[in-house]
Amino acid sequence: MASIAVSFEVLPGGIADKSAVYRAVDAAIGVVVQSGLPYKVSPMETTVEGEYDAVMALIKQAQDAVIAAGAERVFTLIKVDYNPHGSTIAEKLEKYGGR
């Protein structure tokens, strides 16, 4: 199956301490880093590239990490670029010099 590119943002709910919110988000990003899938972290979301089911499972693991880090709930915004022929982070950034 061809790769897809998915951007997602986790928003921890039920955490009053701002630093704890950042730790919860860091936990989600840690799951992405450990996955071995190509990714790019930006200020508002993280983009991951891989097989559809693997990426969706990764997002679930990231949500679980946010809960384990102390959030009562997690709101997740997901954008999927599904192209049956494949979609990559590199193709989206190549005209910008990979930045």
N, C-alpha and C. Protein backbone atom coordinates (compact mmCIF):
# COMPACT_ATOMS: atom_id res chain seq x y z
N MET A 1 0.85 -1.18 0.00
CA MET A 1 0.00 0.00 0.00
C MET A 1 0.89 1.24 0.00
N ALA A 2 0.48 2.28 -0.69
CA ALA A 2 1.23 3.51 -0.79
C ALA A 2 1.19 4.29 0.52
N SER A 3 2.22 5.09 0.73
CA SER A 3 2.28 5.93 1.92
C SER A 3 1.28 7.07 1.83
N ILE A 4 0.83 7.50 3.00
CA ILE A 4 0.00 8.69 3.11
C ILE A 4 0.74 9.69 3.99
N ALA A 5 0.34 10.94 3.90
CA ALA A 5 0.85 11.98 4.79
C ALA A 5 -0.31 12.44 5.66
N VAL A 6 -0.09 12.43 6.96
CA VAL A 6 -1.12 12.82 7.92
C VAL A 6 -0.54 13.85 8.87
N SER A 7 -1.25 14.96 9.03
CA SER A 7 -0.88 15.94 10.05
C SER A 7 -1.89 15.83 11.18
N PHE A 8 -1.38 15.86 12.41
CA PHE A 8 -2.31 15.81 13.54
C PHE A 8 -1.82 16.68 14.67
N GLU A 9 -2.77 17.08 15.47
CA GLU A 9 -2.51 17.95 16.62
C GLU A 9 -3.27 17.36 17.80
N VAL A 10 -2.58 17.16 18.91
CA VAL A 10 -3.24 16.71 20.13
C VAL A 10 -3.40 17.89 21.07
N LEU A 11 -4.58 17.98 21.65
CA LEU A 11 -4.90 19.06 22.59
C LEU A 11 -5.31 18.41 23.91
N PRO A 12 -4.40 18.37 24.89
CA PRO A 12 -4.72 17.75 26.17
C PRO A 12 -5.80 18.54 26.90
N GLY A 13 -6.77 17.84 27.44
CA GLY A 13 -7.83 18.48 28.20
C GLY A 13 -7.75 18.10 29.66
N GLY A 14 -8.19 19.02 30.52
CA GLY A 14 -8.25 18.73 31.94
C GLY A 14 -6.95 18.91 32.68
N ILE A 15 -6.01 19.63 32.09
CA ILE A 15 -4.73 19.91 32.76
C ILE A 15 -4.65 21.42 32.99
N ALA A 16 -4.56 21.82 34.24
CA ALA A 16 -4.53 23.24 34.56
C ALA A 16 -3.13 23.84 34.42
N ASP A 17 -2.12 23.07 34.74
CA ASP A 17 -0.74 23.56 34.73
C ASP A 17 -0.19 23.57 33.30
N LYS A 18 0.19 24.77 32.83
CA LYS A 18 0.66 24.92 31.46
C LYS A 18 1.87 24.04 31.16
N SER A 19 2.79 23.92 32.10
CA SER A 19 3.97 23.09 31.85
C SER A 19 3.58 21.61 31.71
N ALA A 20 2.54 21.20 32.43
CA ALA A 20 2.07 19.82 32.31
C ALA A 20 1.43 19.58 30.95
N VAL A 21 0.80 20.60 30.40
CA VAL A 21 0.24 20.49 29.05
C VAL A 21 1.36 20.23 28.05
N TYR A 22 2.44 20.99 28.16
CA TYR A 22 3.58 20.79 27.26
C TYR A 22 4.20 19.41 27.44
N ARG A 23 4.27 18.92 28.66
CA ARG A 23 4.80 17.58 28.89
C ARG A 23 3.92 16.52 28.23
N ALA A 24 2.61 16.72 28.25
CA ALA A 24 1.69 15.78 27.61
C ALA A 24 1.88 15.78 26.10
N VAL A 25 2.04 16.96 25.52
CA VAL A 25 2.29 17.06 24.08
C VAL A 25 3.65 16.43 23.75
N ASP A 26 4.64 16.68 24.59
CA ASP A 26 5.96 16.07 24.38
C ASP A 26 5.88 14.54 24.40
N ALA A 27 5.01 14.00 25.25
CA ALA A 27 4.83 12.55 25.30
C ALA A 27 4.29 12.02 23.97
N ALA A 28 3.35 12.76 23.39
CA ALA A 28 2.79 12.36 22.09
C ALA A 28 3.86 12.42 21.00
N ILE A 29 4.66 13.48 21.01
CA ILE A 29 5.73 13.60 20.02
C ILE A 29 6.77 12.50 20.22
N GLY A 30 7.02 12.13 21.46
CA GLY A 30 7.95 11.03 21.73
C GLY A 30 7.51 9.72 21.09
N VAL A 31 6.21 9.47 21.09
CA VAL A 31 5.67 8.27 20.44
C VAL A 31 5.97 8.32 18.94
N VAL A 32 5.81 9.48 18.35
CA VAL A 32 6.08 9.64 16.92
C VAL A 32 7.56 9.40 16.63
N VAL A 33 8.43 10.00 17.43
CA VAL A 33 9.87 9.85 17.23
C VAL A 33 10.26 8.38 17.33
N GLN A 34 9.74 7.67 18.32
CA GLN A 34 10.09 6.27 18.52
C GLN A 34 9.50 5.34 17.46
N SER A 35 8.53 5.81 16.71
CA SER A 35 7.87 4.96 15.71
C SER A 35 8.79 4.59 14.56
N GLY A 36 9.76 5.44 14.27
CA GLY A 36 10.63 5.19 13.13
C GLY A 36 10.05 5.67 11.81
N LEU A 37 8.81 6.16 11.82
CA LEU A 37 8.21 6.69 10.59
C LEU A 37 8.78 8.08 10.30
N PRO A 38 8.85 8.47 9.02
CA PRO A 38 9.26 9.83 8.70
C PRO A 38 8.25 10.83 9.29
N TYR A 39 8.75 11.91 9.87
CA TYR A 39 7.86 12.89 10.50
C TYR A 39 8.49 14.28 10.45
N LYS A 40 7.67 15.26 10.68
CA LYS A 40 8.12 16.65 10.80
C LYS A 40 7.26 17.31 11.86
N VAL A 41 7.90 17.83 12.89
CA VAL A 41 7.20 18.55 13.95
C VAL A 41 7.21 20.03 13.60
N SER A 42 6.05 20.66 13.69
CA SER A 42 5.95 22.10 13.48
C SER A 42 5.27 22.70 14.71
N PRO A 43 5.19 24.01 14.79
CA PRO A 43 4.65 24.63 16.01
C PRO A 43 3.21 24.25 16.36
N MET A 44 2.41 23.88 15.38
CA MET A 44 1.00 23.63 15.64
C MET A 44 0.54 22.20 15.41
N GLU A 45 1.39 21.39 14.75
CA GLU A 45 1.00 20.02 14.43
C GLU A 45 2.23 19.21 14.06
N THR A 46 2.04 17.92 13.97
CA THR A 46 3.10 17.01 13.54
C THR A 46 2.60 16.28 12.31
N THR A 47 3.46 16.16 11.31
CA THR A 47 3.12 15.44 10.09
C THR A 47 3.90 14.13 10.06
N VAL A 48 3.21 13.05 9.76
CA VAL A 48 3.79 11.71 9.73
C VAL A 48 3.48 11.09 8.38
N GLU A 49 4.42 10.28 7.91
CA GLU A 49 4.26 9.60 6.63
C GLU A 49 4.38 8.10 6.85
N GLY A 50 3.48 7.35 6.24
CA GLY A 50 3.56 5.90 6.35
C GLY A 50 2.32 5.23 5.81
N GLU A 51 2.23 3.93 6.01
CA GLU A 51 1.07 3.15 5.58
C GLU A 51 -0.13 3.59 6.42
N TYR A 52 -1.28 3.66 5.80
CA TYR A 52 -2.48 4.23 6.43
C TYR A 52 -2.75 3.66 7.82
N ASP A 53 -2.84 2.35 7.93
CA ASP A 53 -3.18 1.74 9.21
C ASP A 53 -2.11 2.00 10.26
N ALA A 54 -0.84 2.00 9.85
CA ALA A 54 0.25 2.25 10.79
C ALA A 54 0.20 3.68 11.33
N VAL A 55 -0.10 4.63 10.46
CA VAL A 55 -0.18 6.03 10.89
C VAL A 55 -1.37 6.23 11.84
N MET A 56 -2.50 5.63 11.52
CA MET A 56 -3.66 5.79 12.40
C MET A 56 -3.42 5.12 13.76
N ALA A 57 -2.74 3.98 13.76
CA ALA A 57 -2.40 3.33 15.02
C ALA A 57 -1.44 4.20 15.82
N LEU A 58 -0.52 4.85 15.14
CA LEU A 58 0.42 5.76 15.80
C LEU A 58 -0.31 6.92 16.46
N ILE A 59 -1.29 7.47 15.79
CA ILE A 59 -2.07 8.58 16.37
C ILE A 59 -2.79 8.10 17.63
N LYS A 60 -3.33 6.90 17.60
CA LYS A 60 -3.97 6.33 18.80
C LYS A 60 -2.96 6.20 19.94
N GLN A 61 -1.76 5.74 19.63
CA GLN A 61 -0.71 5.62 20.65
C GLN A 61 -0.33 6.99 21.21
N ALA A 62 -0.30 8.00 20.34
CA ALA A 62 0.00 9.36 20.80
C ALA A 62 -1.10 9.86 21.74
N GLN A 63 -2.35 9.57 21.42
CA GLN A 63 -3.45 9.96 22.30
C GLN A 63 -3.31 9.25 23.65
N ASP A 64 -3.00 7.98 23.64
CA ASP A 64 -2.82 7.23 24.88
C ASP A 64 -1.68 7.82 25.71
N ALA A 65 -0.62 8.28 25.05
CA ALA A 65 0.51 8.89 25.76
C ALA A 65 0.09 10.19 26.44
N VAL A 66 -0.78 10.95 25.80
CA VAL A 66 -1.28 12.20 26.40
C VAL A 66 -2.09 11.88 27.66
N ILE A 67 -2.93 10.87 27.59
CA ILE A 67 -3.71 10.46 28.77
C ILE A 67 -2.77 9.97 29.87
N ALA A 68 -1.80 9.15 29.51
CA ALA A 68 -0.85 8.63 30.50
C ALA A 68 -0.04 9.76 31.15
N ALA A 69 0.12 10.87 30.43
CA ALA A 69 0.87 12.02 30.95
C ALA A 69 0.01 12.90 31.86
N GLY A 70 -1.26 12.54 32.06
CA GLY A 70 -2.07 13.27 33.03
C GLY A 70 -3.28 13.99 32.50
N ALA A 71 -3.50 13.95 31.20
CA ALA A 71 -4.69 14.61 30.66
C ALA A 71 -5.94 13.79 30.99
N GLU A 72 -7.04 14.47 31.22
CA GLU A 72 -8.31 13.77 31.44
C GLU A 72 -8.92 13.31 30.13
N ARG A 73 -8.61 14.03 29.07
CA ARG A 73 -9.11 13.71 27.73
C ARG A 73 -8.16 14.33 26.73
N VAL A 74 -8.30 13.93 25.47
CA VAL A 74 -7.47 14.51 24.42
C VAL A 74 -8.34 14.76 23.20
N PHE A 75 -8.25 15.98 22.71
CA PHE A 75 -8.92 16.35 21.46
C PHE A 75 -7.85 16.25 20.37
N THR A 76 -8.19 15.62 19.26
CA THR A 76 -7.21 15.40 18.20
C THR A 76 -7.77 15.91 16.88
N LEU A 77 -7.00 16.76 16.24
CA LEU A 77 -7.33 17.26 14.90
C LEU A 77 -6.44 16.52 13.91
N ILE A 78 -7.06 15.94 12.88
CA ILE A 78 -6.32 15.11 11.93
C ILE A 78 -6.62 15.57 10.50
N LYS A 79 -5.54 15.71 9.72
CA LYS A 79 -5.66 16.00 8.29
C LYS A 79 -4.96 14.88 7.53
N VAL A 80 -5.67 14.28 6.59
CA VAL A 80 -5.13 13.15 5.84
C VAL A 80 -5.04 13.51 4.36
N ASP A 81 -3.85 13.31 3.78
CA ASP A 81 -3.70 13.41 2.34
C ASP A 81 -3.62 11.98 1.83
N TYR A 82 -4.75 11.49 1.35
CA TYR A 82 -4.80 10.12 0.83
C TYR A 82 -4.73 10.18 -0.69
N ASN A 83 -3.68 9.61 -1.23
CA ASN A 83 -3.49 9.49 -2.66
C ASN A 83 -3.16 8.02 -2.92
N PRO A 84 -3.95 7.31 -3.69
CA PRO A 84 -3.68 5.89 -3.91
C PRO A 84 -2.28 5.61 -4.46
N HIS A 85 -1.65 6.63 -5.05
CA HIS A 85 -0.32 6.46 -5.62
C HIS A 85 0.78 6.88 -4.64
N GLY A 86 0.38 7.36 -3.48
CA GLY A 86 1.35 7.75 -2.45
C GLY A 86 1.39 9.25 -2.23
N SER A 87 1.73 9.61 -1.04
CA SER A 87 1.85 11.01 -0.64
C SER A 87 3.00 11.10 0.37
N THR A 88 3.91 12.04 0.15
CA THR A 88 5.05 12.15 1.05
C THR A 88 5.21 13.56 1.58
N ILE A 89 5.91 13.66 2.69
CA ILE A 89 6.24 14.96 3.25
C ILE A 89 7.17 15.70 2.29
N ALA A 90 8.15 14.99 1.74
CA ALA A 90 9.14 15.61 0.85
C ALA A 90 8.48 16.27 -0.36
N GLU A 91 7.50 15.60 -0.96
CA GLU A 91 6.86 16.18 -2.15
C GLU A 91 6.14 17.48 -1.81
N LYS A 92 5.63 17.57 -0.60
CA LYS A 92 4.91 18.77 -0.19
C LYS A 92 5.86 19.94 0.08
N LEU A 93 7.10 19.63 0.43
CA LEU A 93 8.06 20.67 0.80
C LEU A 93 9.11 20.96 -0.25
N GLU A 94 9.18 20.14 -1.30
CA GLU A 94 10.29 20.28 -2.26
C GLU A 94 10.37 21.66 -2.91
N LYS A 95 9.26 22.28 -3.21
CA LYS A 95 9.33 23.61 -3.85
C LYS A 95 9.77 24.70 -2.87
N TYR A 96 9.80 24.36 -1.57
CA TYR A 96 10.25 25.31 -0.56
C TYR A 96 11.67 25.00 -0.10
N GLY A 97 12.35 24.13 -0.81
CA GLY A 97 13.71 23.78 -0.46
C GLY A 97 13.79 22.87 0.76
N GLY A 98 12.73 22.11 1.04
CA GLY A 98 12.75 21.17 2.14
C GLY A 98 12.59 21.80 3.50
N ARG A 99 12.24 23.07 3.55
CA ARG A 99 12.10 23.74 4.85
C ARG A 99 10.75 23.49 5.46
